[in-house]
Structures are given as C-alpha cells and as structure tokens.
PDB file of N, CA and C in Angstrom:
ATOM      1  N   MET A   1      95.446  86.824 101.356  1.00  0.00           N
ATOM      2  CA  MET A   1      95.837  87.826 100.398  1.00  0.00           C
ATOM      3  C   MET A   1      95.538  89.205 100.974  1.00  0.00           C
ATOM      4  N   GLY A   2      96.419  90.171 100.746  1.00  0.00           N
ATOM      5  CA  GLY A   2      96.291  91.515 101.303  1.00  0.00           C
ATOM      6  C   GLY A   2      95.298  92.352 100.533  1.00  0.00           C
ATOM      7  N   PRO A   3      95.176  93.597 100.952  1.00  0.00           N
ATOM      8  CA  PRO A   3      94.235  94.501 100.288  1.00  0.00           C
ATOM      9  C   PRO A   3      94.659  94.796  98.864  1.00  0.00           C
ATOM     10  N   GLY A   4      93.732  95.239  98.048  1.00  0.00           N
ATOM     11  CA  GLY A   4      94.015  95.553  96.660  1.00  0.00           C
ATOM     12  C   GLY A   4      94.781  96.840  96.502  1.00  0.00           C
ATOM     13  N   PHE A   5      94.598  97.789  97.407  1.00  0.00           N
ATOM     14  CA  PHE A   5      95.311  99.050  97.329  1.00  0.00           C
ATOM     15  C   PHE A   5      95.247  99.773  98.664  1.00  0.00           C
ATOM     16  N   TYR A   6      95.989 100.875  98.740  1.00  0.00           N
ATOM     17  CA  TYR A   6      96.066 101.677  99.959  1.00  0.00           C
ATOM     18  C   TYR A   6      95.682 103.117  99.649  1.00  0.00           C
ATOM     19  N   VAL A   7      95.188 103.815 100.651  1.00  0.00           N
ATOM     20  CA  VAL A   7      94.888 105.240 100.542  1.00  0.00           C
ATOM     21  C   VAL A   7      95.532 105.948 101.729  1.00  0.00           C
ATOM     22  N   ILE A   8      95.713 107.260 101.579  1.00  0.00           N
ATOM     23  CA  ILE A   8      96.293 108.055 102.662  1.00  0.00           C
ATOM     24  C   ILE A   8      95.167 108.737 103.432  1.00  0.00           C
ATOM     25  N   ALA A   9      95.180 108.547 104.742  1.00  0.00           N
ATOM     26  CA  ALA A   9      94.239 109.228 105.625  1.00  0.00           C
ATOM     27  C   ALA A   9      94.997 110.329 106.359  1.00  0.00           C
ATOM     28  N   ILE A  10      94.417 111.524 106.410  1.00  0.00           N
ATOM     29  CA  ILE A  10      94.989 112.631 107.170  1.00  0.00           C
ATOM     30  C   ILE A  10      94.304 112.643 108.531  1.00  0.00           C
ATOM     31  N   MET A  11      95.107 112.631 109.575  1.00  0.00           N
ATOM     32  CA  MET A  11      94.599 112.617 110.943  1.00  0.00           C
ATOM     33  C   MET A  11      94.947 113.938 111.620  1.00  0.00           C
ATOM     34  N   GLY A  12      93.960 114.537 112.302  1.00  0.00           N
ATOM     35  CA  GLY A  12      94.195 115.750 113.077  1.00  0.00           C
ATOM     36  C   GLY A  12      94.316 115.381 114.539  1.00  0.00           C
ATOM     37  N   CYS A  13      95.384 115.840 115.173  1.00  0.00           N
ATOM     38  CA  CYS A  13      95.640 115.480 116.566  1.00  0.00           C
ATOM     39  C   CYS A  13      95.697 116.735 117.428  1.00  0.00           C
ATOM     40  N   ALA A  14      94.982 116.705 118.542  1.00  0.00           N
ATOM     41  CA  ALA A  14      94.932 117.858 119.436  1.00  0.00           C
ATOM     42  C   ALA A  14      96.050 117.822 120.469  1.00  0.00           C
ATOM     43  N   ASP A  15      96.540 116.632 120.800  1.00  0.00           N
ATOM     44  CA  ASP A  15      97.517 116.499 121.876  1.00  0.00           C
ATOM     45  C   ASP A  15      98.620 115.545 121.434  1.00  0.00           C
ATOM     46  N   GLY A  16      99.526 116.023 120.613  1.00  0.00           N
ATOM     47  CA  GLY A  16     100.569 115.146 120.083  1.00  0.00           C
ATOM     48  C   GLY A  16      99.949 114.115 119.172  1.00  0.00           C
ATOM     49  N   SER A  17     100.219 112.849 119.404  1.00  0.00           N
ATOM     50  CA  SER A  17      99.595 111.808 118.593  1.00  0.00           C
ATOM     51  C   SER A  17      98.481 111.096 119.352  1.00  0.00           C
ATOM     52  N   ALA A  18      98.117 111.630 120.522  1.00  0.00           N
ATOM     53  CA  ALA A  18      97.012 111.057 121.290  1.00  0.00           C
ATOM     54  C   ALA A  18      95.715 111.740 120.876  1.00  0.00           C
ATOM     55  N   GLY A  19      94.651 110.993 120.803  1.00  0.00           N
ATOM     56  CA  GLY A  19      93.349 111.566 120.488  1.00  0.00           C
ATOM     57  C   GLY A  19      93.224 112.092 119.077  1.00  0.00           C
ATOM     58  N   CYS A  20      93.779 111.393 118.110  1.00  0.00           N
ATOM     59  CA  CYS A  20      93.702 111.837 116.715  1.00  0.00           C
ATOM     60  C   CYS A  20      92.333 111.514 116.116  1.00  0.00           C
ATOM     61  N   THR A  21      91.909 112.394 115.219  1.00  0.00           N
ATOM     62  CA  THR A  21      90.631 112.256 114.542  1.00  0.00           C
ATOM     63  C   THR A  21      90.861 112.265 113.033  1.00  0.00           C
ATOM     64  N   PRO A  22      90.253 111.323 112.295  1.00  0.00           N
ATOM     65  CA  PRO A  22      90.382 111.384 110.833  1.00  0.00           C
ATOM     66  C   PRO A  22      89.715 112.654 110.306  1.00  0.00           C
ATOM     67  N   VAL A  23      90.435 113.416 109.475  1.00  0.00           N
ATOM     68  CA  VAL A  23      89.866 114.633 108.918  1.00  0.00           C
ATOM     69  C   VAL A  23      89.718 114.570 107.400  1.00  0.00           C
ATOM     70  N   ALA A  24      90.430 113.661 106.749  1.00  0.00           N
ATOM     71  CA  ALA A  24      90.311 113.519 105.289  1.00  0.00           C
ATOM     72  C   ALA A  24      90.910 112.193 104.856  1.00  0.00           C
ATOM     73  N   THR A  25      90.368 111.661 103.786  1.00  0.00           N
ATOM     74  CA  THR A  25      90.937 110.488 103.137  1.00  0.00           C
ATOM     75  C   THR A  25      91.154 110.852 101.684  1.00  0.00           C
ATOM     76  N   MET A  26      92.361 110.708 101.227  1.00  0.00           N
ATOM     77  CA  MET A  26      92.699 111.082  99.854  1.00  0.00           C
ATOM     78  C   MET A  26      92.132 110.052  98.872  1.00  0.00           C
ATOM     79  N   SER A  27      91.798 110.505  97.694  1.00  0.00           N
ATOM     80  CA  SER A  27      91.185 109.606  96.712  1.00  0.00           C
ATOM     81  C   SER A  27      92.215 108.828  95.894  1.00  0.00           C
ATOM     82  N   THR A  28      93.478 109.242  95.932  1.00  0.00           N
ATOM     83  CA  THR A  28      94.518 108.541  95.180  1.00  0.00           C
ATOM     84  C   THR A  28      94.750 107.166  95.785  1.00  0.00           C
ATOM     85  N   ARG A  29      94.842 106.164  94.925  1.00  0.00           N
ATOM     86  CA  ARG A  29      95.075 104.791  95.375  1.00  0.00           C
ATOM     87  C   ARG A  29      96.513 104.391  95.057  1.00  0.00           C
ATOM     88  N   TYR A  30      97.096 103.624  95.955  1.00  0.00           N
ATOM     89  CA  TYR A  30      98.456 103.129  95.782  1.00  0.00           C
ATOM     90  C   TYR A  30      98.418 101.610  95.807  1.00  0.00           C
ATOM     91  N   GLU A  31      99.162 100.998  94.906  1.00  0.00           N
ATOM     92  CA  GLU A  31      99.123  99.541  94.781  1.00  0.00           C
ATOM     93  C   GLU A  31      99.939  98.817  95.837  1.00  0.00           C
ATOM     94  N   SER A  32     100.793  99.544  96.568  1.00  0.00           N
ATOM     95  CA  SER A  32     101.569  98.920  97.634  1.00  0.00           C
ATOM     96  C   SER A  32     101.674  99.876  98.814  1.00  0.00           C
ATOM     97  N   ARG A  33     101.947  99.305  99.984  1.00  0.00           N
ATOM     98  CA  ARG A  33     102.128 100.135 101.178  1.00  0.00           C
ATOM     99  C   ARG A  33     103.360 101.024 101.007  1.00  0.00           C
ATOM    100  N   GLN A  34     104.398 100.526 100.336  1.00  0.00           N
ATOM    101  CA  GLN A  34     105.618 101.304 100.125  1.00  0.00           C
ATOM    102  C   GLN A  34     105.339 102.533  99.257  1.00  0.00           C
ATOM    103  N   ALA A  35     104.575 102.373  98.191  1.00  0.00           N
ATOM    104  CA  ALA A  35     104.235 103.509  97.323  1.00  0.00           C
ATOM    105  C   ALA A  35     103.392 104.528  98.084  1.00  0.00           C
ATOM    106  N   CYS A  36     102.487 104.047  98.903  1.00  0.00           N
ATOM    107  CA  CYS A  36     101.655 104.931  99.716  1.00  0.00           C
ATOM    108  C   CYS A  36     102.522 105.695 100.711  1.00  0.00           C
ATOM    109  N   ALA A  37     103.393 104.992 101.418  1.00  0.00           N
ATOM    110  CA  ALA A  37     104.259 105.630 102.407  1.00  0.00           C
ATOM    111  C   ALA A  37     105.164 106.683 101.766  1.00  0.00           C
ATOM    112  N   ALA A  38     105.625 106.424 100.552  1.00  0.00           N
ATOM    113  CA  ALA A  38     106.493 107.383  99.858  1.00  0.00           C
ATOM    114  C   ALA A  38     105.753 108.681  99.531  1.00  0.00           C
ATOM    115  N   ALA A  39     104.437 108.617  99.417  1.00  0.00           N
ATOM    116  CA  ALA A  39     103.643 109.796  99.055  1.00  0.00           C
ATOM    117  C   ALA A  39     103.092 110.555 100.256  1.00  0.00           C
ATOM    118  N   THR A  40     103.275 110.049 101.467  1.00  0.00           N
ATOM    119  CA  THR A  40     102.652 110.685 102.632  1.00  0.00           C
ATOM    120  C   THR A  40     103.183 112.087 102.909  1.00  0.00           C
ATOM    121  N   THR A  41     104.481 112.312 102.771  1.00  0.00           N
ATOM    122  CA  THR A  41     105.059 113.626 103.078  1.00  0.00           C
ATOM    123  C   THR A  41     104.502 114.709 102.161  1.00  0.00           C
ATOM    124  N   SER A  42     104.502 114.453 100.850  1.00  0.00           N
ATOM    125  CA  SER A  42     104.001 115.460  99.911  1.00  0.00           C
ATOM    126  C   SER A  42     102.492 115.642 100.041  1.00  0.00           C
ATOM    127  N   THR A  43     101.777 114.573 100.330  1.00  0.00           N
ATOM    128  CA  THR A  43     100.324 114.672 100.507  1.00  0.00           C
ATOM    129  C   THR A  43      99.994 115.486 101.754  1.00  0.00           C
ATOM    130  N   LEU A  44     100.728 115.263 102.815  1.00  0.00           N
ATOM    131  CA  LEU A  44     100.496 116.015 104.044  1.00  0.00           C
ATOM    132  C   LEU A  44     100.826 117.500 103.841  1.00  0.00           C
ATOM    133  N   ALA A  45     101.889 117.790 103.118  1.00  0.00           N
ATOM    134  CA  ALA A  45     102.256 119.186 102.847  1.00  0.00           C
ATOM    135  C   ALA A  45     101.187 119.895 102.018  1.00  0.00           C
ATOM    136  N   ALA A  46     100.572 119.168 101.095  1.00  0.00           N
ATOM    137  CA  ALA A  46      99.543 119.758 100.237  1.00  0.00           C
ATOM    138  C   ALA A  46      98.177 119.845 100.924  1.00  0.00           C
ATOM    139  N   ASN A  47      98.024 119.167 102.049  1.00  0.00           N
ATOM    140  CA  ASN A  47      96.738 119.140 102.754  1.00  0.00           C
ATOM    141  C   ASN A  47      96.935 119.502 104.220  1.00  0.00           C
ATOM    142  N   SER A  48      97.540 120.648 104.462  1.00  0.00           N
ATOM    143  CA  SER A  48      97.857 121.037 105.832  1.00  0.00           C
ATOM    144  C   SER A  48      96.976 122.170 106.349  1.00  0.00           C
ATOM    145  N   ASP A  49      95.817 122.354 105.743  1.00  0.00           N
ATOM    146  CA  ASP A  49      94.956 123.483 106.107  1.00  0.00           C
ATOM    147  C   ASP A  49      93.857 123.115 107.112  1.00  0.00           C
ATOM    148  N   PHE A  50      94.045 122.061 107.864  1.00  0.00           N
ATOM    149  CA  PHE A  50      93.067 121.669 108.880  1.00  0.00           C
ATOM    150  C   PHE A  50      93.420 122.328 110.204  1.00  0.00           C
ATOM    151  N   ASP A  51      92.415 122.621 111.012  1.00  0.00           N
ATOM    152  CA  ASP A  51      92.599 123.359 112.257  1.00  0.00           C
ATOM    153  C   ASP A  51      92.954 122.425 113.420  1.00  0.00           C
ATOM    154  N   PHE A  52      94.154 121.865 113.356  1.00  0.00           N
ATOM    155  CA  PHE A  52      94.675 121.010 114.415  1.00  0.00           C
ATOM    156  C   PHE A  52      96.132 121.376 114.632  1.00  0.00           C
ATOM    157  N   PRO A  53      96.627 121.301 115.863  1.00  0.00           N
ATOM    158  CA  PRO A  53      98.027 121.619 116.097  1.00  0.00           C
ATOM    159  C   PRO A  53      98.981 120.617 115.447  1.00  0.00           C
ATOM    160  N   THR A  54      98.542 119.372 115.308  1.00  0.00           N
ATOM    161  CA  THR A  54      99.379 118.333 114.708  1.00  0.00           C
ATOM    162  C   THR A  54      98.567 117.579 113.670  1.00  0.00           C
ATOM    163  N   LEU A  55      99.164 117.356 112.508  1.00  0.00           N
ATOM    164  CA  LEU A  55      98.546 116.534 111.462  1.00  0.00           C
ATOM    165  C   LEU A  55      99.462 115.366 111.145  1.00  0.00           C
ATOM    166  N   LEU A  56      98.873 114.204 110.928  1.00  0.00           N
ATOM    167  CA  LEU A  56      99.607 113.003 110.552  1.00  0.00           C
ATOM    168  C   LEU A  56      99.004 112.432 109.269  1.00  0.00           C
ATOM    169  N   ALA A  57      99.839 111.813 108.462  1.00  0.00           N
ATOM    170  CA  ALA A  57      99.356 111.099 107.277  1.00  0.00           C
ATOM    171  C   ALA A  57      99.620 109.622 107.504  1.00  0.00           C
ATOM    172  N   GLU A  58      98.605 108.810 107.270  1.00  0.00           N
ATOM    173  CA  GLU A  58      98.695 107.379 107.555  1.00  0.00           C
ATOM    174  C   GLU A  58      98.171 106.586 106.371  1.00  0.00           C
ATOM    175  N   CYS A  59      98.902 105.553 105.959  1.00  0.00           N
ATOM    176  CA  CYS A  59      98.430 104.673 104.883  1.00  0.00           C
ATOM    177  C   CYS A  59      97.485 103.641 105.479  1.00  0.00           C
ATOM    178  N   ARG A  60      96.371 103.454 104.790  1.00  0.00           N
ATOM    179  CA  ARG A  60      95.381 102.480 105.257  1.00  0.00           C
ATOM    180  C   ARG A  60      94.956 101.578 104.111  1.00  0.00           C
ATOM    181  N   PRO A  61      94.752 100.296 104.410  1.00  0.00           N
ATOM    182  CA  PRO A  61      94.211  99.416 103.368  1.00  0.00           C
ATOM    183  C   PRO A  61      92.800  99.876 103.013  1.00  0.00           C
ATOM    184  N   ALA A  62      92.457  99.779 101.766  1.00  0.00           N
ATOM    185  CA  ALA A  62      91.132 100.211 101.327  1.00  0.00           C
ATOM    186  C   ALA A  62      90.490  99.129 100.473  1.00  0.00           C
ATOM    187  N   LYS A  63      89.195  99.121 100.502  1.00  0.00           N
ATOM    188  CA  LYS A  63      88.426  98.187  99.678  1.00  0.00           C
ATOM    189  C   LYS A  63      87.944  98.921  98.446  1.00  0.00           C
ATOM    190  N   ALA A  64      87.809  98.192  97.363  1.00  0.00           N
ATOM    191  CA  ALA A  64      87.293  98.800  96.135  1.00  0.00           C
ATOM    192  C   ALA A  64      85.839  99.174  96.359  1.00  0.00           C
ATOM    193  N   PRO A  65      85.469 100.417  96.052  1.00  0.00           N
ATOM    194  CA  PRO A  65      84.074 100.811  96.216  1.00  0.00           C
ATOM    195  C   PRO A  65      83.168 100.040  95.264  1.00  0.00           C
ATOM    196  N   SER A  66      82.018  99.649  95.744  1.00  0.00           N
ATOM    197  CA  SER A  66      81.091  98.882  94.913  1.00  0.00           C
ATOM    198  C   SER A  66      80.556  99.708  93.754  1.00  0.00           C
ATOM    199  N   ALA A  67      80.633 101.025  93.845  1.00  0.00           N
ATOM    200  CA  ALA A  67      80.142 101.895  92.776  1.00  0.00           C
ATOM    201  C   ALA A  67      80.986 101.757  91.511  1.00  0.00           C
ATOM    202  N   GLU A  68      82.161 101.166  91.619  1.00  0.00           N
ATOM    203  CA  GLU A  68      83.013 101.025  90.447  1.00  0.00           C
ATOM    204  C   GLU A  68      82.666  99.802  89.600  1.00  0.00           C
ATOM    205  N   ARG A  69      81.751  99.008  90.061  1.00  0.00           N
ATOM    206  CA  ARG A  69      81.321  97.872  89.249  1.00  0.00           C
ATOM    207  C   ARG A  69      80.633  98.369  87.994  1.00  0.00           C
ATOM    208  N   ALA A  70      80.633  97.544  86.979  1.00  0.00           N
ATOM    209  CA  ALA A  70      79.972  97.927  85.726  1.00  0.00           C
ATOM    210  C   ALA A  70      78.486  98.150  85.996  1.00  0.00           C
ATOM    211  N   PRO A  71      77.934  99.223  85.463  1.00  0.00           N
ATOM    212  CA  PRO A  71      76.518  99.494  85.713  1.00  0.00           C
ATOM    213  C   PRO A  71      75.637  98.439  85.045  1.00  0.00           C
ATOM    214  N   ARG A  72      74.547  98.113  85.689  1.00  0.00           N
ATOM    215  CA  ARG A  72      73.596  97.162  85.122  1.00  0.00           C
ATOM    216  C   ARG A  72      72.670  97.913  84.192  1.00  0.00           C
ATOM    217  N   ILE A  73      72.442  97.343  83.053  1.00  0.00           N
ATOM    218  CA  ILE A  73      71.563  97.951  82.059  1.00  0.00           C
ATOM    219  C   ILE A  73      70.256  97.178  82.067  1.00  0.00           C
ATOM    220  N   LYS A  74      69.156  97.893  82.218  1.00  0.00           N
ATOM    221  CA  LYS A  74      67.855  97.241  82.195  1.00  0.00           C
ATOM    222  C   LYS A  74      67.482  96.942  80.742  1.00  0.00           C
ATOM    223  N   VAL A  75      67.103  95.699  80.528  1.00  0.00           N
ATOM    224  CA  VAL A  75      66.681  95.270  79.202  1.00  0.00           C
ATOM    225  C   VAL A  75      65.208  94.894  79.289  1.00  0.00           C
ATOM    226  N   PRO A  76      64.381  95.387  78.384  1.00  0.00           N
ATOM    227  CA  PRO A  76      62.966  95.003  78.435  1.00  0.00           C
ATOM    228  C   PRO A  76      62.784  93.487  78.409  1.00  0.00           C
ATOM    229  N   ALA A  77      61.775  92.996  79.116  1.00  0.00           N
ATOM    230  CA  ALA A  77      61.559  91.559  79.253  1.00  0.00           C
ATOM    231  C   ALA A  77      61.327  90.870  77.913  1.00  0.00           C
ATOM    232  N   ASN A  78      60.769  91.547  76.928  1.00  0.00           N
ATOM    233  CA  ASN A  78      60.459  90.897  75.666  1.00  0.00           C
ATOM    234  C   ASN A  78      61.602  90.966  74.652  1.00  0.00           C
ATOM    235  N   THR A  79      62.794  91.362  75.096  1.00  0.00           N
ATOM    236  CA  THR A  79      63.958  91.481  74.209  1.00  0.00           C
ATOM    237  C   THR A  79      64.818  90.237  74.300  1.00  0.00           C
ATOM    238  N   ARG A  80      65.259  89.736  73.139  1.00  0.00           N
ATOM    239  CA  ARG A  80      66.159  88.579  73.142  1.00  0.00           C
ATOM    240  C   ARG A  80      67.568  89.041  73.483  1.00  0.00           C
ATOM    241  N   GLN A  81      68.222  88.236  74.285  1.00  0.00           N
ATOM    242  CA  GLN A  81      69.613  88.536  74.646  1.00  0.00           C
ATOM    243  C   GLN A  81      70.513  87.411  74.158  1.00  0.00           C
ATOM    244  N   GLY A  82      71.730  87.762  73.786  1.00  0.00           N
ATOM    245  CA  GLY A  82      72.720  86.743  73.458  1.00  0.00           C
ATOM    246  C   GLY A  82      72.740  86.430  72.075  1.00  0.00           C
TER     247      GLY A  82
END
C-alpha cells in the first residue's frame, strides 16, 4: 500500500538541477500524487523568494506525524475508568 498523502518540497539548485538542496517543505497535504503535481506550479510561484538561481517543486510521499495522534490524558490511579 502506498503513502497516505504527499507534500510539496521546494528544492534550491545552484547548477541547473544538479546539486539541489531542500529549502522548504509545504504543510499542505495531498491525497494523491496527481493532486500534488497539479499544485506544484502555483506553490512554486508563491514560494520563489529563496536565494538560488533555480528552484524546483517536487512531490514527496509523507508519513503522518506522530504528534497528530490523540493526546493521552493522565488519570489518577485511584479513579475508576469505564
């Protein structure tokens, strides 16, 4: 089974597409690679303020951050649950 969603990574390149460095990862999630790819042009246009001669936008599979899990609530030991 594939990844749950995709994100757009902005890459800064000093020499064409050789030697590219990740400079930003967008927080917007896309449910398919096609939806992500469709958003790369507008995302790159809105995030073109990096100091590199060439910028590329690339869709990457992403994992759900563990911080999104439901928070655990501490219950005192002497409390009945259920």
